[in-house]
Each structure stands twice: as C-alpha cells, then as structure tokens.
Amino acid sequence: MFRKLSGAFTGGALGALIDSINVWLLFHFGLLAMAGISMRVEFTSGWLYPRLVWGGIWALLLLLPILKTKVALRGILMSLFPSAMMLFKVLPAMGKGLMGLELGLLMPVMVVGLNFIYGMVAAFWYKNSGG
C-alpha cells in the first residue's frame, strides 16, 4: 500500500511541476495575454511548493479502483476534481469571479486543459510505479 500511496503522491507532484512550468511558460511568452487572460505568474518557491503539495494530495484519487486499464482517461477524470475546486472555490475566494472569469474568458479552458496534462502525467507515473 505504501508503494501505491507514494506513487500516486509523487505522480501528482510531478504533474503539478509540469503544470506549473506550463503556466509560467504561457505567461513568460505572452500567450496568456494573447488569450486575454490577465494573470501574472512569478515562478517562486512560495508559488510552486503549495502547487506541488496539492498536486500530490489530489493525485491520491488515483488510489480509487476506477478505469485501471485506461490510464490517460483515468488521469483526465481525476483532474476534473482539482479543476472544479479551482474554478468554483479558489478563484472566486480570491475575488476573481466564478471560474476566474475576471481574469479572462478563457481562464476556465486554461485551468481544465492544463489540469488534463497534470492528470495524465500523474496517472502514467502512478501506473508505472506499480499502482
């Protein structure tokens, strides 16, 4: 069981790292601004560490025995939970409106799309680590 817990958490942290790099690159190269998303990203430890920890925690959903043979689909399904939390709880609590729409109309698309990548990375890591 420890191997499964470790694989899920590590996969989630790795997925969150890749997600964080993607968000920063989109900001750094001006693609967020081109998409009309007014979000500023500072790649600092204070920004990154909570994302890694929460990425690992959310990936513990991979321990549920759902879609074991469809790894990518399993990861995408798992990623919908942190996406929903971000869009309906975190961003509104930050004053960015429901689904973060005050940051731009494409904000929900960005959150869900990048979380799909996060979920697939986490699920493939989990599967390959013995989960």
N, C-alpha and C. Protein backbone atom coordinates (compact mmCIF):
# COMPACT_ATOMS: atom_id res chain seq x y z
N MET A 1 0.82 -1.20 0.00
CA MET A 1 0.00 0.00 0.00
C MET A 1 0.87 1.27 0.00
N PHE A 2 2.01 1.19 0.72
CA PHE A 2 2.91 2.35 0.76
C PHE A 2 3.40 2.71 -0.64
N ARG A 3 3.69 1.68 -1.46
CA ARG A 3 4.15 1.93 -2.82
C ARG A 3 3.07 2.66 -3.63
N LYS A 4 1.82 2.27 -3.45
CA LYS A 4 0.72 2.92 -4.18
C LYS A 4 0.55 4.37 -3.72
N LEU A 5 0.58 4.59 -2.41
CA LEU A 5 0.47 5.97 -1.89
C LEU A 5 1.61 6.84 -2.40
N SER A 6 2.81 6.30 -2.32
CA SER A 6 3.98 7.04 -2.77
C SER A 6 3.92 7.33 -4.26
N GLY A 7 3.53 6.33 -5.05
CA GLY A 7 3.43 6.51 -6.50
C GLY A 7 2.39 7.55 -6.88
N ALA A 8 1.24 7.52 -6.21
CA ALA A 8 0.19 8.49 -6.50
C ALA A 8 0.64 9.90 -6.13
N PHE A 9 1.18 10.06 -4.91
CA PHE A 9 1.59 11.39 -4.47
C PHE A 9 2.71 11.94 -5.35
N THR A 10 3.70 11.11 -5.64
CA THR A 10 4.83 11.56 -6.45
C THR A 10 4.37 11.90 -7.87
N GLY A 11 3.49 11.08 -8.43
CA GLY A 11 2.95 11.37 -9.76
C GLY A 11 2.22 12.70 -9.78
N GLY A 12 1.45 12.95 -8.72
CA GLY A 12 0.72 14.22 -8.63
C GLY A 12 1.66 15.41 -8.50
N ALA A 13 2.71 15.24 -7.70
CA ALA A 13 3.68 16.33 -7.54
C ALA A 13 4.42 16.59 -8.85
N LEU A 14 4.78 15.53 -9.56
CA LEU A 14 5.44 15.69 -10.85
C LEU A 14 4.49 16.35 -11.86
N GLY A 15 3.25 15.90 -11.89
CA GLY A 15 2.26 16.51 -12.77
C GLY A 15 2.07 17.98 -12.45
N ALA A 16 2.07 18.32 -11.16
CA ALA A 16 1.92 19.72 -10.75
C ALA A 16 3.14 20.54 -11.15
N LEU A 17 4.32 19.93 -11.10
CA LEU A 17 5.52 20.64 -11.53
C LEU A 17 5.44 20.95 -13.03
N ILE A 18 5.05 19.97 -13.81
CA ILE A 18 4.91 20.19 -15.26
C ILE A 18 3.83 21.23 -15.53
N ASP A 19 2.71 21.14 -14.80
CA ASP A 19 1.64 22.12 -14.93
C ASP A 19 2.15 23.52 -14.60
N SER A 20 2.91 23.64 -13.54
CA SER A 20 3.43 24.94 -13.11
C SER A 20 4.39 25.51 -14.15
N ILE A 21 5.24 24.67 -14.70
CA ILE A 21 6.16 25.12 -15.75
C ILE A 21 5.37 25.58 -16.97
N ASN A 22 4.33 24.83 -17.32
CA ASN A 22 3.49 25.22 -18.47
C ASN A 22 2.83 26.58 -18.24
N VAL A 23 2.27 26.79 -17.05
CA VAL A 23 1.62 28.07 -16.74
C VAL A 23 2.64 29.20 -16.83
N TRP A 24 3.82 28.99 -16.26
CA TRP A 24 4.84 30.02 -16.29
C TRP A 24 5.28 30.32 -17.72
N LEU A 25 5.47 29.26 -18.53
CA LEU A 25 5.88 29.47 -19.93
C LEU A 25 4.80 30.24 -20.71
N LEU A 26 3.54 29.88 -20.49
CA LEU A 26 2.46 30.59 -21.16
C LEU A 26 2.47 32.07 -20.78
N PHE A 27 2.74 32.36 -19.51
CA PHE A 27 2.84 33.76 -19.07
C PHE A 27 4.08 34.42 -19.65
N HIS A 28 5.21 33.76 -19.48
CA HIS A 28 6.50 34.32 -19.87
C HIS A 28 6.55 34.69 -21.36
N PHE A 29 5.97 33.86 -22.21
CA PHE A 29 6.00 34.13 -23.64
C PHE A 29 4.80 34.93 -24.13
N GLY A 30 3.99 35.42 -23.20
CA GLY A 30 2.89 36.31 -23.53
C GLY A 30 1.65 35.62 -24.10
N LEU A 31 1.60 34.31 -24.02
CA LEU A 31 0.46 33.59 -24.59
C LEU A 31 -0.80 33.77 -23.74
N LEU A 32 -0.63 33.93 -22.44
CA LEU A 32 -1.80 34.21 -21.59
C LEU A 32 -2.41 35.55 -21.98
N ALA A 33 -1.56 36.55 -22.13
CA ALA A 33 -2.06 37.88 -22.51
C ALA A 33 -2.72 37.84 -23.88
N MET A 34 -2.14 37.08 -24.81
CA MET A 34 -2.73 36.97 -26.16
C MET A 34 -4.11 36.30 -26.08
N ALA A 35 -4.29 35.42 -25.10
CA ALA A 35 -5.58 34.73 -24.93
C ALA A 35 -6.55 35.57 -24.11
N GLY A 36 -6.12 36.75 -23.68
CA GLY A 36 -6.98 37.62 -22.90
C GLY A 36 -7.05 37.27 -21.43
N ILE A 37 -6.05 36.51 -20.95
CA ILE A 37 -6.01 36.13 -19.53
C ILE A 37 -5.04 37.05 -18.82
N SER A 38 -5.56 37.85 -17.91
CA SER A 38 -4.73 38.85 -17.21
C SER A 38 -4.23 38.27 -15.89
N MET A 39 -3.35 37.30 -16.01
CA MET A 39 -2.81 36.61 -14.84
C MET A 39 -1.30 36.80 -14.84
N ARG A 40 -0.77 37.13 -13.68
CA ARG A 40 0.67 37.32 -13.53
C ARG A 40 1.23 36.11 -12.80
N VAL A 41 2.32 35.54 -13.31
CA VAL A 41 2.91 34.35 -12.71
C VAL A 41 4.35 34.63 -12.33
N GLU A 42 4.66 34.47 -11.07
CA GLU A 42 6.03 34.60 -10.57
C GLU A 42 6.49 33.21 -10.16
N PHE A 43 7.48 32.67 -10.84
CA PHE A 43 7.97 31.32 -10.54
C PHE A 43 8.88 31.39 -9.31
N THR A 44 8.25 31.34 -8.14
CA THR A 44 8.97 31.39 -6.88
C THR A 44 8.64 30.15 -6.06
N SER A 45 9.43 29.90 -5.04
CA SER A 45 9.15 28.74 -4.18
C SER A 45 7.81 28.89 -3.47
N GLY A 46 7.46 30.10 -3.09
CA GLY A 46 6.18 30.34 -2.42
C GLY A 46 4.98 30.06 -3.32
N TRP A 47 5.16 30.20 -4.61
CA TRP A 47 4.10 29.89 -5.58
C TRP A 47 4.11 28.40 -5.93
N LEU A 48 5.33 27.83 -6.05
CA LEU A 48 5.47 26.46 -6.53
C LEU A 48 5.16 25.40 -5.47
N TYR A 49 5.69 25.55 -4.27
CA TYR A 49 5.55 24.48 -3.26
C TYR A 49 4.11 24.09 -2.96
N PRO A 50 3.21 25.04 -2.73
CA PRO A 50 1.82 24.62 -2.47
C PRO A 50 1.21 23.89 -3.66
N ARG A 51 1.58 24.27 -4.86
CA ARG A 51 1.07 23.59 -6.05
C ARG A 51 1.54 22.14 -6.09
N LEU A 52 2.80 21.90 -5.71
CA LEU A 52 3.34 20.53 -5.70
C LEU A 52 2.64 19.68 -4.63
N VAL A 53 2.47 20.25 -3.45
CA VAL A 53 1.83 19.51 -2.37
C VAL A 53 0.38 19.19 -2.72
N TRP A 54 -0.37 20.18 -3.18
CA TRP A 54 -1.76 19.94 -3.54
C TRP A 54 -1.87 19.00 -4.73
N GLY A 55 -0.93 19.10 -5.65
CA GLY A 55 -0.92 18.17 -6.78
C GLY A 55 -0.77 16.73 -6.31
N GLY A 56 0.10 16.52 -5.33
CA GLY A 56 0.27 15.19 -4.76
C GLY A 56 -0.96 14.72 -4.01
N ILE A 57 -1.57 15.62 -3.26
CA ILE A 57 -2.76 15.25 -2.48
C ILE A 57 -3.91 14.89 -3.42
N TRP A 58 -4.16 15.71 -4.43
CA TRP A 58 -5.25 15.41 -5.36
C TRP A 58 -5.03 14.09 -6.09
N ALA A 59 -3.78 13.76 -6.38
CA ALA A 59 -3.48 12.53 -7.11
C ALA A 59 -3.76 11.28 -6.28
N LEU A 60 -3.98 11.44 -4.99
CA LEU A 60 -4.36 10.28 -4.18
C LEU A 60 -5.70 9.70 -4.64
N LEU A 61 -6.45 10.48 -5.41
CA LEU A 61 -7.68 9.96 -6.01
C LEU A 61 -7.40 8.78 -6.95
N LEU A 62 -6.15 8.69 -7.42
CA LEU A 62 -5.78 7.57 -8.28
C LEU A 62 -5.84 6.23 -7.55
N LEU A 63 -5.88 6.27 -6.25
CA LEU A 63 -5.98 5.03 -5.47
C LEU A 63 -7.35 4.38 -5.61
N LEU A 64 -8.33 5.15 -6.06
CA LEU A 64 -9.66 4.58 -6.28
C LEU A 64 -9.61 3.61 -7.46
N PRO A 65 -10.26 2.47 -7.35
CA PRO A 65 -10.20 1.46 -8.42
C PRO A 65 -11.14 1.77 -9.58
N ILE A 66 -10.82 2.82 -10.32
CA ILE A 66 -11.66 3.27 -11.44
C ILE A 66 -10.81 3.32 -12.71
N LEU A 67 -11.31 2.75 -13.80
CA LEU A 67 -10.67 2.81 -15.11
C LEU A 67 -9.19 2.42 -15.07
N LYS A 68 -8.86 1.34 -14.41
CA LYS A 68 -7.45 0.96 -14.23
C LYS A 68 -6.72 0.72 -15.55
N THR A 69 -7.42 0.26 -16.58
CA THR A 69 -6.74 -0.04 -17.84
C THR A 69 -6.69 1.15 -18.79
N LYS A 70 -7.42 2.20 -18.52
CA LYS A 70 -7.45 3.39 -19.37
C LYS A 70 -6.74 4.53 -18.63
N VAL A 71 -5.42 4.49 -18.68
CA VAL A 71 -4.61 5.37 -17.85
C VAL A 71 -4.85 6.85 -18.15
N ALA A 72 -4.81 7.24 -19.41
CA ALA A 72 -4.99 8.66 -19.75
C ALA A 72 -6.38 9.13 -19.34
N LEU A 73 -7.39 8.34 -19.62
CA LEU A 73 -8.77 8.71 -19.25
C LEU A 73 -8.91 8.80 -17.73
N ARG A 74 -8.26 7.90 -17.04
CA ARG A 74 -8.27 7.92 -15.57
C ARG A 74 -7.66 9.21 -15.04
N GLY A 75 -6.55 9.61 -15.63
CA GLY A 75 -5.90 10.85 -15.22
C GLY A 75 -6.75 12.07 -15.51
N ILE A 76 -7.38 12.08 -16.68
CA ILE A 76 -8.24 13.21 -17.04
C ILE A 76 -9.43 13.28 -16.09
N LEU A 77 -10.03 12.13 -15.80
CA LEU A 77 -11.16 12.10 -14.87
C LEU A 77 -10.74 12.61 -13.49
N MET A 78 -9.60 12.16 -13.00
CA MET A 78 -9.09 12.61 -11.70
C MET A 78 -8.84 14.11 -11.71
N SER A 79 -8.37 14.65 -12.84
CA SER A 79 -8.03 16.07 -12.91
C SER A 79 -9.25 16.98 -12.85
N LEU A 80 -10.42 16.45 -13.08
CA LEU A 80 -11.63 17.27 -13.02
C LEU A 80 -11.92 17.76 -11.60
N PHE A 81 -11.50 17.01 -10.60
CA PHE A 81 -11.75 17.41 -9.21
C PHE A 81 -10.95 18.65 -8.81
N PRO A 82 -9.62 18.68 -9.02
CA PRO A 82 -8.91 19.92 -8.70
C PRO A 82 -9.33 21.08 -9.61
N SER A 83 -9.73 20.78 -10.85
CA SER A 83 -10.21 21.85 -11.74
C SER A 83 -11.46 22.48 -11.16
N ALA A 84 -12.40 21.64 -10.72
CA ALA A 84 -13.64 22.15 -10.14
C ALA A 84 -13.36 22.97 -8.88
N MET A 85 -12.44 22.49 -8.05
CA MET A 85 -12.08 23.22 -6.83
C MET A 85 -11.51 24.60 -7.18
N MET A 86 -10.64 24.63 -8.18
CA MET A 86 -10.02 25.90 -8.57
C MET A 86 -11.06 26.86 -9.14
N LEU A 87 -11.93 26.35 -10.02
CA LEU A 87 -12.88 27.20 -10.73
C LEU A 87 -14.05 27.67 -9.86
N PHE A 88 -14.47 26.82 -8.92
CA PHE A 88 -15.68 27.14 -8.16
C PHE A 88 -15.43 27.52 -6.71
N LYS A 89 -14.19 27.34 -6.22
CA LYS A 89 -13.89 27.68 -4.83
C LYS A 89 -12.71 28.65 -4.72
N VAL A 90 -11.56 28.25 -5.26
CA VAL A 90 -10.33 29.03 -5.05
C VAL A 90 -10.38 30.38 -5.77
N LEU A 91 -10.63 30.36 -7.07
CA LEU A 91 -10.64 31.64 -7.81
C LEU A 91 -11.73 32.60 -7.33
N PRO A 92 -12.95 32.12 -7.08
CA PRO A 92 -13.94 33.05 -6.51
C PRO A 92 -13.52 33.60 -5.14
N ALA A 93 -12.89 32.76 -4.31
CA ALA A 93 -12.44 33.22 -2.99
C ALA A 93 -11.33 34.26 -3.11
N MET A 94 -10.58 34.22 -4.22
CA MET A 94 -9.53 35.20 -4.47
C MET A 94 -10.09 36.49 -5.06
N GLY A 95 -11.41 36.54 -5.27
CA GLY A 95 -12.03 37.72 -5.84
C GLY A 95 -11.92 37.78 -7.35
N LYS A 96 -11.67 36.64 -7.99
CA LYS A 96 -11.50 36.61 -9.45
C LYS A 96 -12.77 36.17 -10.17
N GLY A 97 -13.88 36.09 -9.44
CA GLY A 97 -15.15 35.73 -10.04
C GLY A 97 -15.33 34.23 -10.20
N LEU A 98 -16.55 33.84 -10.47
CA LEU A 98 -16.85 32.43 -10.70
C LEU A 98 -16.05 31.94 -11.89
N MET A 99 -15.35 30.84 -11.72
CA MET A 99 -14.49 30.23 -12.73
C MET A 99 -13.32 31.13 -13.14
N GLY A 100 -13.03 32.16 -12.35
CA GLY A 100 -11.92 33.05 -12.65
C GLY A 100 -12.15 33.90 -13.87
N LEU A 101 -13.42 34.12 -14.21
CA LEU A 101 -13.73 34.86 -15.44
C LEU A 101 -13.26 36.30 -15.43
N GLU A 102 -13.01 36.86 -14.23
CA GLU A 102 -12.48 38.23 -14.19
C GLU A 102 -11.04 38.28 -14.69
N LEU A 103 -10.38 37.13 -14.76
CA LEU A 103 -9.03 37.07 -15.31
C LEU A 103 -9.05 36.94 -16.83
N GLY A 104 -10.20 36.56 -17.36
CA GLY A 104 -10.34 36.38 -18.81
C GLY A 104 -11.31 35.26 -19.13
N LEU A 105 -11.95 35.37 -20.27
CA LEU A 105 -12.97 34.39 -20.65
C LEU A 105 -12.39 32.99 -20.88
N LEU A 106 -11.12 32.91 -21.23
CA LEU A 106 -10.51 31.61 -21.49
C LEU A 106 -9.88 30.98 -20.24
N MET A 107 -10.02 31.63 -19.10
CA MET A 107 -9.44 31.09 -17.88
C MET A 107 -9.94 29.68 -17.57
N PRO A 108 -11.25 29.40 -17.65
CA PRO A 108 -11.70 28.03 -17.38
C PRO A 108 -11.10 27.01 -18.35
N VAL A 109 -10.93 27.40 -19.60
CA VAL A 109 -10.33 26.50 -20.59
C VAL A 109 -8.88 26.20 -20.23
N MET A 110 -8.16 27.23 -19.79
CA MET A 110 -6.78 27.04 -19.40
C MET A 110 -6.67 26.12 -18.19
N VAL A 111 -7.50 26.36 -17.18
CA VAL A 111 -7.46 25.54 -15.96
C VAL A 111 -7.73 24.09 -16.29
N VAL A 112 -8.79 23.83 -17.01
CA VAL A 112 -9.16 22.44 -17.33
C VAL A 112 -8.13 21.80 -18.26
N GLY A 113 -7.68 22.53 -19.26
CA GLY A 113 -6.70 21.98 -20.21
C GLY A 113 -5.38 21.62 -19.55
N LEU A 114 -4.85 22.54 -18.75
CA LEU A 114 -3.58 22.25 -18.09
C LEU A 114 -3.74 21.16 -17.03
N ASN A 115 -4.90 21.11 -16.39
CA ASN A 115 -5.12 20.04 -15.42
C ASN A 115 -5.27 18.68 -16.10
N PHE A 116 -5.73 18.64 -17.35
CA PHE A 116 -5.74 17.38 -18.09
C PHE A 116 -4.33 16.84 -18.21
N ILE A 117 -3.39 17.71 -18.56
CA ILE A 117 -1.99 17.30 -18.67
C ILE A 117 -1.48 16.82 -17.32
N TYR A 118 -1.76 17.58 -16.28
CA TYR A 118 -1.37 17.20 -14.92
C TYR A 118 -1.90 15.80 -14.59
N GLY A 119 -3.18 15.58 -14.87
CA GLY A 119 -3.79 14.30 -14.54
C GLY A 119 -3.19 13.14 -15.30
N MET A 120 -2.89 13.34 -16.57
CA MET A 120 -2.29 12.26 -17.36
C MET A 120 -0.88 11.94 -16.88
N VAL A 121 -0.09 12.97 -16.57
CA VAL A 121 1.26 12.74 -16.05
C VAL A 121 1.17 11.96 -14.73
N ALA A 122 0.28 12.40 -13.84
CA ALA A 122 0.13 11.72 -12.55
C ALA A 122 -0.31 10.28 -12.74
N ALA A 123 -1.26 10.04 -13.62
CA ALA A 123 -1.78 8.68 -13.82
C ALA A 123 -0.73 7.76 -14.44
N PHE A 124 0.03 8.26 -15.41
CA PHE A 124 1.06 7.42 -16.01
C PHE A 124 2.18 7.13 -15.02
N TRP A 125 2.57 8.12 -14.22
CA TRP A 125 3.58 7.87 -13.20
C TRP A 125 3.08 6.82 -12.21
N TYR A 126 1.85 7.00 -11.76
CA TYR A 126 1.25 6.06 -10.80
C TYR A 126 1.23 4.63 -11.37
N LYS A 127 0.80 4.49 -12.59
CA LYS A 127 0.74 3.15 -13.22
C LYS A 127 2.12 2.54 -13.32
N ASN A 128 3.11 3.34 -13.75
CA ASN A 128 4.46 2.82 -13.93
C ASN A 128 5.22 2.61 -12.63
N SER A 129 4.69 3.14 -11.54
CA SER A 129 5.35 2.94 -10.23
C SER A 129 4.77 1.74 -9.50
N GLY A 130 3.87 1.03 -10.14
CA GLY A 130 3.31 -0.17 -9.52
C GLY A 130 1.90 0.01 -9.00
N GLY A 131 1.27 1.14 -9.29
CA GLY A 131 -0.08 1.40 -8.80
C GLY A 131 -1.16 0.79 -9.65
